[in-house]
Amino acid sequence: MGWLDALLGKKNAKTFKKVQKAISQPPPAPKKPARPALPKLEWHKSDKGNDTTEFEGMRITIFKQDDEWNYCIAEILDEEDIADGLEDDPEFGDGYPTKAAAKKAALEELI
């Protein structure tokens, strides 16, 4: 019979040992917030043969330039926007080794 059993009784000694073990373990590492899943988009060919899609009022176009893949994100303006004189300053990607990497970067830019 251990000294805890004698002092606390068997049932309380087991509970005490479980609590002591739980306290001695380091706390679990905080979980990183989950990155939002990238949406599945339907890609089409533009008039120039580049992959293009629309997402939340924006047009994404993937194109190859100087042996690298780039993206262009531009707001889709309707006739009323154009009549009001609104203009869109498209945003361009830096240059990616693959078309898939450029698509991923473009979507991450919008999310």
PDB file of N, CA and C in Angstrom:
ATOM      1  N   MET A   1       0.854  -1.175   0.000  1.00  0.00           N
ATOM      2  CA  MET A   1       0.000   0.000   0.000  1.00  0.00           C
ATOM      3  C   MET A   1       0.893   1.229   0.000  1.00  0.00           C
ATOM      4  N   GLY A   2       0.679   2.140  -0.954  1.00  0.00           N
ATOM      5  CA  GLY A   2       1.463   3.352  -1.049  1.00  0.00           C
ATOM      6  C   GLY A   2       1.014   4.379  -0.023  1.00  0.00           C
ATOM      7  N   TRP A   3       1.834   5.367   0.161  1.00  0.00           N
ATOM      8  CA  TRP A   3       1.505   6.376   1.176  1.00  0.00           C
ATOM      9  C   TRP A   3       0.268   7.181   0.803  1.00  0.00           C
ATOM     10  N   LEU A   4       0.025   7.402  -0.556  1.00  0.00           N
ATOM     11  CA  LEU A   4      -1.185   8.096  -0.986  1.00  0.00           C
ATOM     12  C   LEU A   4      -2.429   7.268  -0.686  1.00  0.00           C
ATOM     13  N   ASP A   5      -2.329   5.946  -0.926  1.00  0.00           N
ATOM     14  CA  ASP A   5      -3.461   5.075  -0.632  1.00  0.00           C
ATOM     15  C   ASP A   5      -3.802   5.150   0.854  1.00  0.00           C
ATOM     16  N   ALA A   6      -2.789   5.145   1.677  1.00  0.00           N
ATOM     17  CA  ALA A   6      -3.016   5.183   3.120  1.00  0.00           C
ATOM     18  C   ALA A   6      -3.597   6.534   3.534  1.00  0.00           C
ATOM     19  N   LEU A   7      -3.118   7.591   2.909  1.00  0.00           N
ATOM     20  CA  LEU A   7      -3.558   8.933   3.287  1.00  0.00           C
ATOM     21  C   LEU A   7      -4.939   9.273   2.737  1.00  0.00           C
ATOM     22  N   LEU A   8      -5.176   8.962   1.456  1.00  0.00           N
ATOM     23  CA  LEU A   8      -6.404   9.387   0.796  1.00  0.00           C
ATOM     24  C   LEU A   8      -7.409   8.254   0.553  1.00  0.00           C
ATOM     25  N   GLY A   9      -6.980   7.041   0.652  1.00  0.00           N
ATOM     26  CA  GLY A   9      -7.818   5.917   0.248  1.00  0.00           C
ATOM     27  C   GLY A   9      -7.531   5.609  -1.213  1.00  0.00           C
ATOM     28  N   LYS A  10      -7.814   4.366  -1.653  1.00  0.00           N
ATOM     29  CA  LYS A  10      -7.447   3.938  -3.015  1.00  0.00           C
ATOM     30  C   LYS A  10      -8.125   4.780  -4.091  1.00  0.00           C
ATOM     31  N   LYS A  11      -9.419   5.013  -3.967  1.00  0.00           N
ATOM     32  CA  LYS A  11     -10.167   5.732  -4.996  1.00  0.00           C
ATOM     33  C   LYS A  11      -9.653   7.165  -5.124  1.00  0.00           C
ATOM     34  N   ASN A  12      -9.487   7.861  -4.022  1.00  0.00           N
ATOM     35  CA  ASN A  12      -8.999   9.246  -4.062  1.00  0.00           C
ATOM     36  C   ASN A  12      -7.547   9.316  -4.506  1.00  0.00           C
ATOM     37  N   ALA A  13      -6.762   8.313  -4.184  1.00  0.00           N
ATOM     38  CA  ALA A  13      -5.361   8.282  -4.599  1.00  0.00           C
ATOM     39  C   ALA A  13      -5.263   8.162  -6.118  1.00  0.00           C
ATOM     40  N   LYS A  14      -6.135   7.333  -6.745  1.00  0.00           N
ATOM     41  CA  LYS A  14      -6.131   7.191  -8.209  1.00  0.00           C
ATOM     42  C   LYS A  14      -6.517   8.515  -8.861  1.00  0.00           C
ATOM     43  N   THR A  15      -7.549   9.157  -8.339  1.00  0.00           N
ATOM     44  CA  THR A  15      -7.983  10.452  -8.869  1.00  0.00           C
ATOM     45  C   THR A  15      -6.867  11.475  -8.743  1.00  0.00           C
ATOM     46  N   PHE A  16      -6.197  11.494  -7.596  1.00  0.00           N
ATOM     47  CA  PHE A  16      -5.099  12.426  -7.370  1.00  0.00           C
ATOM     48  C   PHE A  16      -3.973  12.186  -8.373  1.00  0.00           C
ATOM     49  N   LYS A  17      -3.656  10.928  -8.636  1.00  0.00           N
ATOM     50  CA  LYS A  17      -2.586  10.598  -9.588  1.00  0.00           C
ATOM     51  C   LYS A  17      -2.958  11.034 -11.013  1.00  0.00           C
ATOM     52  N   LYS A  18      -4.237  10.868 -11.396  1.00  0.00           N
ATOM     53  CA  LYS A  18      -4.678  11.303 -12.724  1.00  0.00           C
ATOM     54  C   LYS A  18      -4.561  12.817 -12.866  1.00  0.00           C
ATOM     55  N   VAL A  19      -4.994  13.531 -11.831  1.00  0.00           N
ATOM     56  CA  VAL A  19      -4.918  14.992 -11.864  1.00  0.00           C
ATOM     57  C   VAL A  19      -3.468  15.435 -11.922  1.00  0.00           C
ATOM     58  N   GLN A  20      -2.621  14.798 -11.112  1.00  0.00           N
ATOM     59  CA  GLN A  20      -1.192  15.143 -11.088  1.00  0.00           C
ATOM     60  C   GLN A  20      -0.551  14.899 -12.453  1.00  0.00           C
ATOM     61  N   LYS A  21      -0.932  13.803 -13.122  1.00  0.00           N
ATOM     62  CA  LYS A  21      -0.381  13.490 -14.445  1.00  0.00           C
ATOM     63  C   LYS A  21      -0.840  14.533 -15.477  1.00  0.00           C
ATOM     64  N   ALA A  22      -2.111  14.908 -15.406  1.00  0.00           N
ATOM     65  CA  ALA A  22      -2.645  15.898 -16.339  1.00  0.00           C
ATOM     66  C   ALA A  22      -1.972  17.251 -16.155  1.00  0.00           C
ATOM     67  N   ILE A  23      -1.696  17.614 -14.919  1.00  0.00           N
ATOM     68  CA  ILE A  23      -1.052  18.903 -14.639  1.00  0.00           C
ATOM     69  C   ILE A  23       0.393  18.904 -15.102  1.00  0.00           C
ATOM     70  N   SER A  24       1.067  17.773 -15.007  1.00  0.00           N
ATOM     71  CA  SER A  24       2.489  17.722 -15.354  1.00  0.00           C
ATOM     72  C   SER A  24       2.740  17.751 -16.862  1.00  0.00           C
ATOM     73  N   GLN A  25       1.718  17.458 -17.668  1.00  0.00           N
ATOM     74  CA  GLN A  25       1.897  17.471 -19.122  1.00  0.00           C
ATOM     75  C   GLN A  25       1.821  18.908 -19.634  1.00  0.00           C
ATOM     76  N   PRO A  26       2.656  19.237 -20.628  1.00  0.00           N
ATOM     77  CA  PRO A  26       2.612  20.599 -21.177  1.00  0.00           C
ATOM     78  C   PRO A  26       1.263  20.838 -21.866  1.00  0.00           C
ATOM     79  N   PRO A  27       0.801  22.070 -21.859  1.00  0.00           N
ATOM     80  CA  PRO A  27      -0.479  22.355 -22.518  1.00  0.00           C
ATOM     81  C   PRO A  27      -0.354  22.140 -24.025  1.00  0.00           C
ATOM     82  N   PRO A  28      -1.441  21.747 -24.665  1.00  0.00           N
ATOM     83  CA  PRO A  28      -1.367  21.530 -26.120  1.00  0.00           C
ATOM     84  C   PRO A  28      -1.066  22.841 -26.834  1.00  0.00           C
ATOM     85  N   ALA A  29      -0.324  22.725 -27.920  1.00  0.00           N
ATOM     86  CA  ALA A  29       0.023  23.907 -28.712  1.00  0.00           C
ATOM     87  C   ALA A  29      -1.247  24.496 -29.313  1.00  0.00           C
ATOM     88  N   PRO A  30      -1.340  25.820 -29.360  1.00  0.00           N
ATOM     89  CA  PRO A  30      -2.546  26.416 -29.951  1.00  0.00           C
ATOM     90  C   PRO A  30      -2.626  26.066 -31.433  1.00  0.00           C
ATOM     91  N   LYS A  31      -3.833  25.812 -31.874  1.00  0.00           N
ATOM     92  CA  LYS A  31      -4.038  25.450 -33.277  1.00  0.00           C
ATOM     93  C   LYS A  31      -3.989  26.706 -34.131  1.00  0.00           C
ATOM     94  N   LYS A  32      -3.354  26.551 -35.293  1.00  0.00           N
ATOM     95  CA  LYS A  32      -3.323  27.659 -36.243  1.00  0.00           C
ATOM     96  C   LYS A  32      -4.713  27.795 -36.853  1.00  0.00           C
ATOM     97  N   PRO A  33      -5.154  29.031 -37.072  1.00  0.00           N
ATOM     98  CA  PRO A  33      -6.466  29.168 -37.708  1.00  0.00           C
ATOM     99  C   PRO A  33      -6.423  28.563 -39.104  1.00  0.00           C
ATOM    100  N   ALA A  34      -7.460  27.844 -39.415  1.00  0.00           N
ATOM    101  CA  ALA A  34      -7.517  27.183 -40.722  1.00  0.00           C
ATOM    102  C   ALA A  34      -7.619  28.224 -41.833  1.00  0.00           C
ATOM    103  N   ARG A  35      -6.804  28.034 -42.849  1.00  0.00           N
ATOM    104  CA  ARG A  35      -6.872  28.924 -44.004  1.00  0.00           C
ATOM    105  C   ARG A  35      -8.131  28.585 -44.783  1.00  0.00           C
ATOM    106  N   PRO A  36      -8.852  29.588 -45.216  1.00  0.00           N
ATOM    107  CA  PRO A  36     -10.072  29.271 -45.950  1.00  0.00           C
ATOM    108  C   PRO A  36      -9.757  28.453 -47.198  1.00  0.00           C
ATOM    109  N   ALA A  37     -10.625  27.527 -47.468  1.00  0.00           N
ATOM    110  CA  ALA A  37     -10.430  26.686 -48.651  1.00  0.00           C
ATOM    111  C   ALA A  37     -10.594  27.538 -49.911  1.00  0.00           C
ATOM    112  N   LEU A  38      -9.763  27.256 -50.878  1.00  0.00           N
ATOM    113  CA  LEU A  38      -9.865  27.978 -52.144  1.00  0.00           C
ATOM    114  C   LEU A  38     -11.092  27.481 -52.893  1.00  0.00           C
ATOM    115  N   PRO A  39     -11.866  28.395 -53.447  1.00  0.00           N
ATOM    116  CA  PRO A  39     -13.075  27.966 -54.162  1.00  0.00           C
ATOM    117  C   PRO A  39     -12.727  27.233 -55.454  1.00  0.00           C
ATOM    118  N   LYS A  40     -13.592  26.325 -55.831  1.00  0.00           N
ATOM    119  CA  LYS A  40     -13.435  25.641 -57.119  1.00  0.00           C
ATOM    120  C   LYS A  40     -14.082  26.536 -58.167  1.00  0.00           C
ATOM    121  N   LEU A  41     -13.316  26.892 -59.157  1.00  0.00           N
ATOM    122  CA  LEU A  41     -13.812  27.781 -60.201  1.00  0.00           C
ATOM    123  C   LEU A  41     -13.784  27.087 -61.543  1.00  0.00           C
ATOM    124  N   GLU A  42     -14.663  27.517 -62.410  1.00  0.00           N
ATOM    125  CA  GLU A  42     -14.691  26.996 -63.770  1.00  0.00           C
ATOM    126  C   GLU A  42     -13.894  27.945 -64.660  1.00  0.00           C
ATOM    127  N   TRP A  43     -12.808  27.449 -65.199  1.00  0.00           N
ATOM    128  CA  TRP A  43     -11.927  28.260 -66.039  1.00  0.00           C
ATOM    129  C   TRP A  43     -12.316  28.088 -67.494  1.00  0.00           C
ATOM    130  N   HIS A  44     -12.237  29.174 -68.254  1.00  0.00           N
ATOM    131  CA  HIS A  44     -12.537  29.186 -69.689  1.00  0.00           C
ATOM    132  C   HIS A  44     -11.349  29.806 -70.415  1.00  0.00           C
ATOM    133  N   LYS A  45     -11.352  29.682 -71.721  1.00  0.00           N
ATOM    134  CA  LYS A  45     -10.321  30.330 -72.541  1.00  0.00           C
ATOM    135  C   LYS A  45     -10.824  31.713 -72.960  1.00  0.00           C
ATOM    136  N   SER A  46      -9.968  32.710 -72.805  1.00  0.00           N
ATOM    137  CA  SER A  46     -10.319  34.064 -73.249  1.00  0.00           C
ATOM    138  C   SER A  46     -10.171  34.151 -74.763  1.00  0.00           C
ATOM    139  N   ASP A  47     -10.482  35.309 -75.320  1.00  0.00           N
ATOM    140  CA  ASP A  47     -10.328  35.509 -76.768  1.00  0.00           C
ATOM    141  C   ASP A  47      -8.877  35.320 -77.201  1.00  0.00           C
ATOM    142  N   LYS A  48      -7.945  35.598 -76.291  1.00  0.00           N
ATOM    143  CA  LYS A  48      -6.522  35.447 -76.608  1.00  0.00           C
ATOM    144  C   LYS A  48      -5.987  34.066 -76.241  1.00  0.00           C
ATOM    145  N   GLY A  49      -6.864  33.175 -75.750  1.00  0.00           N
ATOM    146  CA  GLY A  49      -6.455  31.810 -75.431  1.00  0.00           C
ATOM    147  C   GLY A  49      -5.927  31.636 -74.020  1.00  0.00           C
ATOM    148  N   ASN A  50      -6.098  32.634 -73.167  1.00  0.00           N
ATOM    149  CA  ASN A  50      -5.631  32.533 -71.787  1.00  0.00           C
ATOM    150  C   ASN A  50      -6.743  32.002 -70.886  1.00  0.00           C
ATOM    151  N   ASP A  51      -6.359  31.311 -69.817  1.00  0.00           N
ATOM    152  CA  ASP A  51      -7.338  30.842 -68.845  1.00  0.00           C
ATOM    153  C   ASP A  51      -7.921  32.041 -68.107  1.00  0.00           C
ATOM    154  N   THR A  52      -9.251  32.068 -67.988  1.00  0.00           N
ATOM    155  CA  THR A  52      -9.913  33.176 -67.315  1.00  0.00           C
ATOM    156  C   THR A  52     -11.142  32.665 -66.570  1.00  0.00           C
ATOM    157  N   THR A  53     -11.490  33.344 -65.493  1.00  0.00           N
ATOM    158  CA  THR A  53     -12.671  33.005 -64.707  1.00  0.00           C
ATOM    159  C   THR A  53     -13.167  34.255 -64.009  1.00  0.00           C
ATOM    160  N   GLU A  54     -14.360  34.162 -63.438  1.00  0.00           N
ATOM    161  CA  GLU A  54     -14.923  35.276 -62.686  1.00  0.00           C
ATOM    162  C   GLU A  54     -15.196  34.809 -61.266  1.00  0.00           C
ATOM    163  N   PHE A  55     -14.902  35.699 -60.309  1.00  0.00           N
ATOM    164  CA  PHE A  55     -15.099  35.371 -58.899  1.00  0.00           C
ATOM    165  C   PHE A  55     -15.453  36.642 -58.143  1.00  0.00           C
ATOM    166  N   GLU A  56     -16.649  36.676 -57.576  1.00  0.00           N
ATOM    167  CA  GLU A  56     -17.120  37.783 -56.752  1.00  0.00           C
ATOM    168  C   GLU A  56     -16.909  39.153 -57.425  1.00  0.00           C
ATOM    169  N   GLY A  57     -17.342  39.263 -58.675  1.00  0.00           N
ATOM    170  CA  GLY A  57     -17.269  40.532 -59.390  1.00  0.00           C
ATOM    171  C   GLY A  57     -15.898  40.883 -59.936  1.00  0.00           C
ATOM    172  N   MET A  58     -14.993  39.935 -59.897  1.00  0.00           N
ATOM    173  CA  MET A  58     -13.637  40.157 -60.408  1.00  0.00           C
ATOM    174  C   MET A  58     -13.348  39.135 -61.500  1.00  0.00           C
ATOM    175  N   ARG A  59     -12.563  39.553 -62.485  1.00  0.00           N
ATOM    176  CA  ARG A  59     -12.123  38.661 -63.556  1.00  0.00           C
ATOM    177  C   ARG A  59     -10.655  38.338 -63.316  1.00  0.00           C
ATOM    178  N   ILE A  60     -10.358  37.061 -63.339  1.00  0.00           N
ATOM    179  CA  ILE A  60      -8.976  36.596 -63.165  1.00  0.00           C
ATOM    180  C   ILE A  60      -8.529  36.001 -64.491  1.00  0.00           C
ATOM    181  N   THR A  61      -7.394  36.448 -64.973  1.00  0.00           N
ATOM    182  CA  THR A  61      -6.834  35.914 -66.215  1.00  0.00           C
ATOM    183  C   THR A  61      -5.405  35.472 -65.940  1.00  0.00           C
ATOM    184  N   ILE A  62      -5.074  34.279 -66.394  1.00  0.00           N
ATOM    185  CA  ILE A  62      -3.733  33.713 -66.237  1.00  0.00           C
ATOM    186  C   ILE A  62      -3.063  33.726 -67.603  1.00  0.00           C
ATOM    187  N   PHE A  63      -1.846  34.237 -67.649  1.00  0.00           N
ATOM    188  CA  PHE A  63      -1.150  34.319 -68.932  1.00  0.00           C
ATOM    189  C   PHE A  63       0.343  34.071 -68.728  1.00  0.00           C
ATOM    190  N   LYS A  64       1.004  33.697 -69.815  1.00  0.00           N
ATOM    191  CA  LYS A  64       2.439  33.436 -69.770  1.00  0.00           C
ATOM    192  C   LYS A  64       3.173  34.621 -70.371  1.00  0.00           C
ATOM    193  N   GLN A  65       4.215  35.063 -69.659  1.00  0.00           N
ATOM    194  CA  GLN A  65       5.011  36.197 -70.124  1.00  0.00           C
ATOM    195  C   GLN A  65       6.451  35.968 -69.672  1.00  0.00           C
ATOM    196  N   ASP A  66       7.369  36.066 -70.593  1.00  0.00           N
ATOM    197  CA  ASP A  66       8.796  35.884 -70.295  1.00  0.00           C
ATOM    198  C   ASP A  66       9.058  34.576 -69.555  1.00  0.00           C
ATOM    199  N   ASP A  67       8.478  33.485 -70.049  1.00  0.00           N
ATOM    200  CA  ASP A  67       8.660  32.141 -69.493  1.00  0.00           C
ATOM    201  C   ASP A  67       8.183  31.993 -68.047  1.00  0.00           C
ATOM    202  N   GLU A  68       7.310  32.896 -67.590  1.00  0.00           N
ATOM    203  CA  GLU A  68       6.712  32.776 -66.265  1.00  0.00           C
ATOM    204  C   GLU A  68       5.207  32.957 -66.399  1.00  0.00           C
ATOM    205  N   TRP A  69       4.474  32.377 -65.454  1.00  0.00           N
ATOM    206  CA  TRP A  69       3.023  32.523 -65.432  1.00  0.00           C
ATOM    207  C   TRP A  69       2.655  33.679 -64.524  1.00  0.00           C
ATOM    208  N   ASN A  70       1.743  34.499 -64.982  1.00  0.00           N
ATOM    209  CA  ASN A  70       1.284  35.667 -64.229  1.00  0.00           C
ATOM    210  C   ASN A  70      -0.231  35.683 -64.191  1.00  0.00           C
ATOM    211  N   TYR A  71      -0.761  36.519 -63.311  1.00  0.00           N
ATOM    212  CA  TYR A  71      -2.206  36.706 -63.287  1.00  0.00           C
ATOM    213  C   TYR A  71      -2.541  38.183 -63.380  1.00  0.00           C
ATOM    214  N   CYS A  72      -3.752  38.437 -63.814  1.00  0.00           N
ATOM    215  CA  CYS A  72      -4.303  39.788 -63.852  1.00  0.00           C
ATOM    216  C   CYS A  72      -5.679  39.700 -63.204  1.00  0.00           C
ATOM    217  N   ILE A  73      -5.912  40.532 -62.198  1.00  0.00           N
ATOM    218  CA  ILE A  73      -7.211  40.594 -61.537  1.00  0.00           C
ATOM    219  C   ILE A  73      -7.799  41.964 -61.829  1.00  0.00           C
ATOM    220  N   ALA A  74      -8.985  41.970 -62.404  1.00  0.00           N
ATOM    221  CA  ALA A  74      -9.641  43.236 -62.757  1.00  0.00           C
ATOM    222  C   ALA A  74     -11.107  43.182 -62.350  1.00  0.00           C
ATOM    223  N   GLU A  75     -11.607  44.293 -61.868  1.00  0.00           N
ATOM    224  CA  GLU A  75     -13.021  44.378 -61.514  1.00  0.00           C
ATOM    225  C   GLU A  75     -13.858  44.363 -62.791  1.00  0.00           C
ATOM    226  N   ILE A  76     -14.974  43.672 -62.741  1.00  0.00           N
ATOM    227  CA  ILE A  76     -15.873  43.621 -63.889  1.00  0.00           C
ATOM    228  C   ILE A  76     -16.801  44.824 -63.781  1.00  0.00           C
ATOM    229  N   LEU A  77     -16.655  45.743 -64.713  1.00  0.00           N
ATOM    230  CA  LEU A  77     -17.469  46.964 -64.707  1.00  0.00           C
ATOM    231  C   LEU A  77     -18.663  46.784 -65.632  1.00  0.00           C
ATOM    232  N   ASP A  78     -19.833  47.244 -65.183  1.00  0.00           N
ATOM    233  CA  ASP A  78     -20.998  47.181 -66.054  1.00  0.00           C
ATOM    234  C   ASP A  78     -21.142  48.512 -66.805  1.00  0.00           C
ATOM    235  N   GLU A  79     -22.128  48.601 -67.680  1.00  0.00           N
ATOM    236  CA  GLU A  79     -22.317  49.809 -68.506  1.00  0.00           C
ATOM    237  C   GLU A  79     -22.524  51.057 -67.655  1.00  0.00           C
ATOM    238  N   GLU A  80     -23.235  50.902 -66.542  1.00  0.00           N
ATOM    239  CA  GLU A  80     -23.495  52.049 -65.671  1.00  0.00           C
ATOM    240  C   GLU A  80     -22.193  52.551 -65.037  1.00  0.00           C
ATOM    241  N   ASP A  81     -21.346  51.621 -64.608  1.00  0.00           N
ATOM    242  CA  ASP A  81     -20.046  52.010 -64.039  1.00  0.00           C
ATOM    243  C   ASP A  81     -19.213  52.772 -65.071  1.00  0.00           C
ATOM    244  N   ILE A  82     -19.198  52.260 -66.284  1.00  0.00           N
ATOM    245  CA  ILE A  82     -18.413  52.890 -67.348  1.00  0.00           C
ATOM    246  C   ILE A  82     -18.979  54.270 -67.672  1.00  0.00           C
ATOM    247  N   ALA A  83     -20.327  54.383 -67.723  1.00  0.00           N
ATOM    248  CA  ALA A  83     -20.963  55.678 -67.995  1.00  0.00           C
ATOM    249  C   ALA A  83     -20.649  56.687 -66.887  1.00  0.00           C
ATOM    250  N   ASP A  84     -20.494  56.196 -65.652  1.00  0.00           N
ATOM    251  CA  ASP A  84     -20.160  57.077 -64.530  1.00  0.00           C
ATOM    252  C   ASP A  84     -18.678  57.449 -64.516  1.00  0.00           C
ATOM    253  N   GLY A  85     -17.915  56.888 -65.445  1.00  0.00           N
ATOM    254  CA  GLY A  85     -16.493  57.215 -65.537  1.00  0.00           C
ATOM    255  C   GLY A  85     -15.599  56.384 -64.642  1.00  0.00           C
ATOM    256  N   LEU A  86     -16.128  55.317 -64.069  1.00  0.00           N
ATOM    257  CA  LEU A  86     -15.297  54.452 -63.226  1.00  0.00           C
ATOM    258  C   LEU A  86     -14.291  53.706 -64.082  1.00  0.00           C
ATOM    259  N   GLU A  87     -13.106  53.583 -63.571  1.00  0.00           N
ATOM    260  CA  GLU A  87     -12.056  52.824 -64.246  1.00  0.00           C
ATOM    261  C   GLU A  87     -11.497  51.806 -63.269  1.00  0.00           C
ATOM    262  N   ASP A  88     -10.971  50.751 -63.797  1.00  0.00           N
ATOM    263  CA  ASP A  88     -10.389  49.718 -62.952  1.00  0.00           C
ATOM    264  C   ASP A  88      -8.885  49.684 -63.164  1.00  0.00           C
ATOM    265  N   ASP A  89      -8.155  49.669 -62.073  1.00  0.00           N
ATOM    266  CA  ASP A  89      -6.711  49.474 -62.131  1.00  0.00           C
ATOM    267  C   ASP A  89      -6.443  48.006 -61.857  1.00  0.00           C
ATOM    268  N   PRO A  90      -6.153  47.245 -62.885  1.00  0.00           N
ATOM    269  CA  PRO A  90      -5.941  45.812 -62.661  1.00  0.00           C
ATOM    270  C   PRO A  90      -4.704  45.559 -61.803  1.00  0.00           C
ATOM    271  N   GLU A  91      -4.734  44.426 -61.133  1.00  0.00           N
ATOM    272  CA  GLU A  91      -3.608  44.013 -60.292  1.00  0.00           C
ATOM    273  C   GLU A  91      -2.936  42.822 -60.961  1.00  0.00           C
ATOM    274  N   PHE A  92      -1.616  42.871 -61.036  1.00  0.00           N
ATOM    275  CA  PHE A  92      -0.865  41.824 -61.704  1.00  0.00           C
ATOM    276  C   PHE A  92      -0.013  41.048 -60.701  1.00  0.00           C
ATOM    277  N   GLY A  93       0.137  39.748 -60.987  1.00  0.00           N
ATOM    278  CA  GLY A  93       1.005  38.904 -60.168  1.00  0.00           C
ATOM    279  C   GLY A  93       2.448  39.089 -60.565  1.00  0.00           C
ATOM    280  N   ASP A  94       3.337  38.498 -59.775  1.00  0.00           N
ATOM    281  CA  ASP A  94       4.771  38.675 -60.000  1.00  0.00           C
ATOM    282  C   ASP A  94       5.353  37.735 -61.040  1.00  0.00           C
ATOM    283  N   GLY A  95       5.064  36.539 -61.016  1.00  0.00           N
ATOM    284  CA  GLY A  95       5.663  35.580 -61.941  1.00  0.00           C
ATOM    285  C   GLY A  95       5.804  34.269 -61.191  1.00  0.00           C
ATOM    286  N   TYR A  96       5.235  33.238 -61.730  1.00  0.00           N
ATOM    287  CA  TYR A  96       5.192  31.952 -61.046  1.00  0.00           C
ATOM    288  C   TYR A  96       5.689  30.873 -61.989  1.00  0.00           C
ATOM    289  N   PRO A  97       6.271  29.817 -61.452  1.00  0.00           N
ATOM    290  CA  PRO A  97       6.851  28.786 -62.318  1.00  0.00           C
ATOM    291  C   PRO A  97       5.814  27.946 -63.055  1.00  0.00           C
ATOM    292  N   THR A  98       4.591  27.844 -62.501  1.00  0.00           N
ATOM    293  CA  THR A  98       3.564  27.036 -63.147  1.00  0.00           C
ATOM    294  C   THR A  98       2.247  27.803 -63.233  1.00  0.00           C
ATOM    295  N   LYS A  99       1.395  27.351 -64.130  1.00  0.00           N
ATOM    296  CA  LYS A  99       0.074  27.956 -64.274  1.00  0.00           C
ATOM    297  C   LYS A  99      -0.738  27.746 -62.990  1.00  0.00           C
ATOM    298  N   ALA A 100      -0.624  26.559 -62.399  1.00  0.00           N
ATOM    299  CA  ALA A 100      -1.360  26.256 -61.171  1.00  0.00           C
ATOM    300  C   ALA A 100      -0.944  27.184 -60.030  1.00  0.00           C
ATOM    301  N   ALA A 101       0.338  27.472 -59.930  1.00  0.00           N
ATOM    302  CA  ALA A 101       0.827  28.371 -58.875  1.00  0.00           C
ATOM    303  C   ALA A 101       0.285  29.782 -59.075  1.00  0.00           C
ATOM    304  N   ALA A 102       0.178  30.225 -60.320  1.00  0.00           N
ATOM    305  CA  ALA A 102      -0.359  31.548 -60.615  1.00  0.00           C
ATOM    306  C   ALA A 102      -1.851  31.606 -60.275  1.00  0.00           C
ATOM    307  N   LYS A 103      -2.588  30.545 -60.589  1.00  0.00           N
ATOM    308  CA  LYS A 103      -4.012  30.492 -60.259  1.00  0.00           C
ATOM    309  C   LYS A 103      -4.209  30.537 -58.741  1.00  0.00           C
ATOM    310  N   LYS A 104      -3.424  29.762 -58.030  1.00  0.00           N
ATOM    311  CA  LYS A 104      -3.524  29.717 -56.567  1.00  0.00           C
ATOM    312  C   LYS A 104      -3.224  31.089 -55.957  1.00  0.00           C
ATOM    313  N   ALA A 105      -2.172  31.731 -56.430  1.00  0.00           N
ATOM    314  CA  ALA A 105      -1.795  33.049 -55.914  1.00  0.00           C
ATOM    315  C   ALA A 105      -2.878  34.078 -56.193  1.00  0.00           C
ATOM    316  N   ALA A 106      -3.486  34.032 -57.348  1.00  0.00           N
ATOM    317  CA  ALA A 106      -4.551  34.970 -57.701  1.00  0.00           C
ATOM    318  C   ALA A 106      -5.755  34.796 -56.776  1.00  0.00           C
ATOM    319  N   LEU A 107      -6.131  33.551 -56.531  1.00  0.00           N
ATOM    320  CA  LEU A 107      -7.271  33.287 -55.641  1.00  0.00           C
ATOM    321  C   LEU A 107      -6.956  33.713 -54.210  1.00  0.00           C
ATOM    322  N   GLU A 108      -5.737  33.458 -53.766  1.00  0.00           N
ATOM    323  CA  GLU A 108      -5.361  33.855 -52.413  1.00  0.00           C
ATOM    324  C   GLU A 108      -5.366  35.360 -52.269  1.00  0.00           C
ATOM    325  N   GLU A 109      -5.084  36.069 -53.353  1.00  0.00           N
ATOM    326  CA  GLU A 109      -5.120  37.521 -53.339  1.00  0.00           C
ATOM    327  C   GLU A 109      -6.540  38.030 -53.096  1.00  0.00           C
ATOM    328  N   LEU A 110      -7.508  37.305 -53.600  1.00  0.00           N
ATOM    329  CA  LEU A 110      -8.908  37.736 -53.479  1.00  0.00           C
ATOM    330  C   LEU A 110      -9.572  37.273 -52.190  1.00  0.00           C
ATOM    331  N   ILE A 111      -9.044  36.266 -51.567  1.00  0.00           N
ATOM    332  CA  ILE A 111      -9.677  35.725 -50.341  1.00  0.00           C
ATOM    333  C   ILE A 111      -9.124  36.390 -49.106  1.00  0.00           C
TER     334      ILE A 111
END
